[in-house]
Amino acid sequence: MIAAAEGESIEDGDRQTQLLRGALDMCLLALLAREPAHGYELVRRMETAGFGAISYGTIYPLLTRMRRLGLVAHEQQVSPTGPPRKVYALTAPGRIHLDAWQKQWDRFTDTVDAVLRPLEPNPTRS
């Protein structure tokens, strides 16, 4: 579950959750494009990026689905403090999907920005 960030109302938290739900796959792929990571590290990176608390129960099913789709691959690595952990990395098809999603996201946010941007005053209107 994705939690509301500190200082947000429940309604703001719900809106943030809805927005993130539509972009979480893309954000995870973008983080993995920078550097391979295990699930715990991805949760930490999302929090550091400002998304607030995102649970492992949200991240791991997405990683499993993206692995089945061939967007990410994982390998077992020895952990210095416990059992081996899966480290996920972006695959070539994952890079292609990320690039396409980024273009789609740019078009989408440009459209939303255009709608939300205040209208310029029109000097020819009275």
C-alpha atoms as a PDB file:
ATOM      1  CA  MET A   1       0.000   0.000   0.000  1.00  0.00           C
ATOM      2  CA  ILE A   2       1.161   3.524  -0.743  1.00  0.00           C
ATOM      3  CA  ALA A   3       0.884   5.863   2.249  1.00  0.00           C
ATOM      4  CA  ALA A   4       0.103   9.589   2.271  1.00  0.00           C
ATOM      5  CA  ALA A   5       3.178  11.746   2.748  1.00  0.00           C
ATOM      6  CA  GLU A   6       3.533  13.696   5.962  1.00  0.00           C
ATOM      7  CA  GLY A   7       1.488  16.893   5.924  1.00  0.00           C
ATOM      8  CA  GLU A   8      -0.977  15.669   3.279  1.00  0.00           C
ATOM      9  CA  SER A   9      -4.676  15.272   3.896  1.00  0.00           C
ATOM     10  CA  ILE A  10      -6.265  11.876   3.303  1.00  0.00           C
ATOM     11  CA  GLU A  11      -7.800  13.228   0.091  1.00  0.00           C
ATOM     12  CA  ASP A  12      -4.369  14.425  -1.090  1.00  0.00           C
ATOM     13  CA  GLY A  13      -2.936  11.013  -0.193  1.00  0.00           C
ATOM     14  CA  ASP A  14      -5.659   9.257  -2.176  1.00  0.00           C
ATOM     15  CA  ARG A  15      -4.952  11.471  -5.185  1.00  0.00           C
ATOM     16  CA  GLN A  16      -1.197  10.808  -4.859  1.00  0.00           C
ATOM     17  CA  THR A  17      -1.908   7.067  -4.676  1.00  0.00           C
ATOM     18  CA  GLN A  18      -3.999   7.203  -7.848  1.00  0.00           C
ATOM     19  CA  LEU A  19      -1.374   9.203  -9.717  1.00  0.00           C
ATOM     20  CA  LEU A  20       1.462   6.946  -8.608  1.00  0.00           C
ATOM     21  CA  ARG A  21      -0.456   3.779  -9.457  1.00  0.00           C
ATOM     22  CA  GLY A  22      -0.463   4.875 -13.103  1.00  0.00           C
ATOM     23  CA  ALA A  23       3.245   5.708 -13.132  1.00  0.00           C
ATOM     24  CA  LEU A  24       4.834   3.226 -10.736  1.00  0.00           C
ATOM     25  CA  ASP A  25       5.940   0.702 -13.392  1.00  0.00           C
ATOM     26  CA  MET A  26       7.614   3.474 -15.355  1.00  0.00           C
ATOM     27  CA  CYS A  27       9.307   4.876 -12.236  1.00  0.00           C
ATOM     28  CA  LEU A  28      10.657   1.453 -11.258  1.00  0.00           C
ATOM     29  CA  LEU A  29      12.028   0.872 -14.758  1.00  0.00           C
ATOM     30  CA  ALA A  30      13.638   4.330 -14.704  1.00  0.00           C
ATOM     31  CA  LEU A  31      15.305   3.576 -11.366  1.00  0.00           C
ATOM     32  CA  LEU A  32      16.578   0.238 -12.687  1.00  0.00           C
ATOM     33  CA  ALA A  33      17.852   1.958 -15.842  1.00  0.00           C
ATOM     34  CA  ARG A  34      20.154   3.973 -13.580  1.00  0.00           C
ATOM     35  CA  GLU A  35      21.381   1.013 -11.557  1.00  0.00           C
ATOM     36  CA  PRO A  36      20.268  -2.558 -10.780  1.00  0.00           C
ATOM     37  CA  ALA A  37      18.757  -2.970  -7.317  1.00  0.00           C
ATOM     38  CA  HIS A  38      16.909  -5.325  -5.003  1.00  0.00           C
ATOM     39  CA  GLY A  39      13.345  -4.619  -3.893  1.00  0.00           C
ATOM     40  CA  TYR A  40      14.289  -3.044  -0.568  1.00  0.00           C
ATOM     41  CA  GLU A  41      16.630  -0.627  -2.360  1.00  0.00           C
ATOM     42  CA  LEU A  42      13.903   0.314  -4.844  1.00  0.00           C
ATOM     43  CA  VAL A  43      11.509   1.107  -1.976  1.00  0.00           C
ATOM     44  CA  ARG A  44      14.207   3.292  -0.402  1.00  0.00           C
ATOM     45  CA  ARG A  45      14.888   5.076  -3.721  1.00  0.00           C
ATOM     46  CA  MET A  46      11.182   5.779  -4.221  1.00  0.00           C
ATOM     47  CA  GLU A  47      10.975   7.258  -0.717  1.00  0.00           C
ATOM     48  CA  THR A  48      14.124   9.340  -1.318  1.00  0.00           C
ATOM     49  CA  ALA A  49      12.624  10.613  -4.583  1.00  0.00           C
ATOM     50  CA  GLY A  50       9.691  11.988  -2.576  1.00  0.00           C
ATOM     51  CA  PHE A  51       6.959   9.408  -3.169  1.00  0.00           C
ATOM     52  CA  GLY A  52       6.491   8.728   0.540  1.00  0.00           C
ATOM     53  CA  ALA A  53       6.207   5.271   2.021  1.00  0.00           C
ATOM     54  CA  ILE A  54       5.597   2.548  -0.548  1.00  0.00           C
ATOM     55  CA  SER A  55       5.214  -0.959   0.798  1.00  0.00           C
ATOM     56  CA  TYR A  56       7.122  -4.017  -0.315  1.00  0.00           C
ATOM     57  CA  GLY A  57       3.715  -5.564  -0.997  1.00  0.00           C
ATOM     58  CA  THR A  58       3.333  -2.982  -3.763  1.00  0.00           C
ATOM     59  CA  ILE A  59       6.827  -3.232  -5.251  1.00  0.00           C
ATOM     60  CA  TYR A  60       7.456  -6.995  -5.324  1.00  0.00           C
ATOM     61  CA  PRO A  61       4.315  -7.983  -7.289  1.00  0.00           C
ATOM     62  CA  LEU A  62       5.179  -5.318  -9.878  1.00  0.00           C
ATOM     63  CA  LEU A  63       8.744  -6.620 -10.152  1.00  0.00           C
ATOM     64  CA  THR A  64       7.427 -10.162 -10.567  1.00  0.00           C
ATOM     65  CA  ARG A  65       5.005  -9.047 -13.300  1.00  0.00           C
ATOM     66  CA  MET A  66       7.691  -7.037 -15.092  1.00  0.00           C
ATOM     67  CA  ARG A  67      10.045 -10.030 -14.916  1.00  0.00           C
ATOM     68  CA  ARG A  68       7.369 -12.281 -16.471  1.00  0.00           C
ATOM     69  CA  LEU A  69       6.937  -9.683 -19.234  1.00  0.00           C
ATOM     70  CA  GLY A  70      10.688  -9.676 -19.867  1.00  0.00           C
ATOM     71  CA  LEU A  71      11.129  -6.021 -18.883  1.00  0.00           C
ATOM     72  CA  VAL A  72      13.480  -6.832 -16.011  1.00  0.00           C
ATOM     73  CA  ALA A  73      15.686  -9.777 -15.124  1.00  0.00           C
ATOM     74  CA  HIS A  74      16.982 -10.792 -11.736  1.00  0.00           C
ATOM     75  CA  GLU A  75      19.919 -12.662 -10.350  1.00  0.00           C
ATOM     76  CA  GLN A  76      20.559 -13.987  -6.876  1.00  0.00           C
ATOM     77  CA  GLN A  77      23.322 -12.170  -5.026  1.00  0.00           C
ATOM     78  CA  VAL A  78      24.842 -13.047  -1.699  1.00  0.00           C
ATOM     79  CA  SER A  79      23.754 -10.712   1.069  1.00  0.00           C
ATOM     80  CA  PRO A  80      26.288  -9.829   3.763  1.00  0.00           C
ATOM     81  CA  THR A  81      23.544  -9.816   6.414  1.00  0.00           C
ATOM     82  CA  GLY A  82      21.114 -12.572   5.489  1.00  0.00           C
ATOM     83  CA  PRO A  83      19.800 -14.860   2.789  1.00  0.00           C
ATOM     84  CA  PRO A  84      20.598 -14.261  -0.884  1.00  0.00           C
ATOM     85  CA  ARG A  85      18.545 -11.519  -2.480  1.00  0.00           C
ATOM     86  CA  LYS A  86      17.232 -10.930  -5.971  1.00  0.00           C
ATOM     87  CA  VAL A  87      18.844  -7.996  -7.727  1.00  0.00           C
ATOM     88  CA  TYR A  88      16.757  -6.685 -10.617  1.00  0.00           C
ATOM     89  CA  ALA A  89      18.121  -5.089 -13.788  1.00  0.00           C
ATOM     90  CA  LEU A  90      16.498  -3.555 -16.843  1.00  0.00           C
ATOM     91  CA  THR A  91      16.505  -5.719 -19.983  1.00  0.00           C
ATOM     92  CA  ALA A  92      16.723  -4.481 -23.588  1.00  0.00           C
ATOM     93  CA  PRO A  93      12.922  -4.859 -24.024  1.00  0.00           C
ATOM     94  CA  GLY A  94      12.532  -3.031 -20.701  1.00  0.00           C
ATOM     95  CA  ARG A  95      14.569  -0.127 -22.083  1.00  0.00           C
ATOM     96  CA  ILE A  96      12.376  -0.009 -25.193  1.00  0.00           C
ATOM     97  CA  HIS A  97       9.211   0.027 -23.041  1.00  0.00           C
ATOM     98  CA  LEU A  98      10.664   2.690 -20.754  1.00  0.00           C
ATOM     99  CA  ASP A  99      11.545   4.923 -23.702  1.00  0.00           C
ATOM    100  CA  ALA A 100       8.036   4.523 -25.149  1.00  0.00           C
ATOM    101  CA  TRP A 101       6.394   5.134 -21.755  1.00  0.00           C
ATOM    102  CA  GLN A 102       8.512   8.253 -21.215  1.00  0.00           C
ATOM    103  CA  LYS A 103       7.369   9.679 -24.563  1.00  0.00           C
ATOM    104  CA  GLN A 104       3.753   8.833 -23.741  1.00  0.00           C
ATOM    105  CA  TRP A 105       4.172  10.388 -20.257  1.00  0.00           C
ATOM    106  CA  ASP A 106       5.624  13.584 -21.763  1.00  0.00           C
ATOM    107  CA  ARG A 107       2.651  13.916 -24.133  1.00  0.00           C
ATOM    108  CA  PHE A 108       0.220  13.221 -21.290  1.00  0.00           C
ATOM    109  CA  THR A 109       1.773  15.705 -18.859  1.00  0.00           C
ATOM    110  CA  ASP A 110       1.993  18.358 -21.588  1.00  0.00           C
ATOM    111  CA  THR A 111      -1.739  17.909 -22.193  1.00  0.00           C
ATOM    112  CA  VAL A 112      -2.603  18.045 -18.490  1.00  0.00           C
ATOM    113  CA  ASP A 113      -0.349  21.080 -18.002  1.00  0.00           C
ATOM    114  CA  ALA A 114      -2.085  22.849 -20.893  1.00  0.00           C
ATOM    115  CA  VAL A 115      -5.479  22.242 -19.296  1.00  0.00           C
ATOM    116  CA  LEU A 116      -4.364  23.247 -15.801  1.00  0.00           C
ATOM    117  CA  ARG A 117      -2.381  26.307 -16.874  1.00  0.00           C
ATOM    118  CA  PRO A 118      -4.391  29.482 -16.287  1.00  0.00           C
ATOM    119  CA  LEU A 119      -5.774  30.998 -19.433  1.00  0.00           C
ATOM    120  CA  GLU A 120      -3.789  33.912 -20.796  1.00  0.00           C
ATOM    121  CA  PRO A 121      -5.829  37.119 -20.761  1.00  0.00           C
ATOM    122  CA  ASN A 122      -6.986  37.940 -24.241  1.00  0.00           C
ATOM    123  CA  PRO A 123      -6.676  41.702 -24.824  1.00  0.00           C
ATOM    124  CA  THR A 124      -9.112  41.596 -27.769  1.00  0.00           C
ATOM    125  CA  ARG A 125     -11.988  40.436 -25.574  1.00  0.00           C
ATOM    126  CA  SER A 126     -13.922  42.884 -23.468  1.00  0.00           C
END
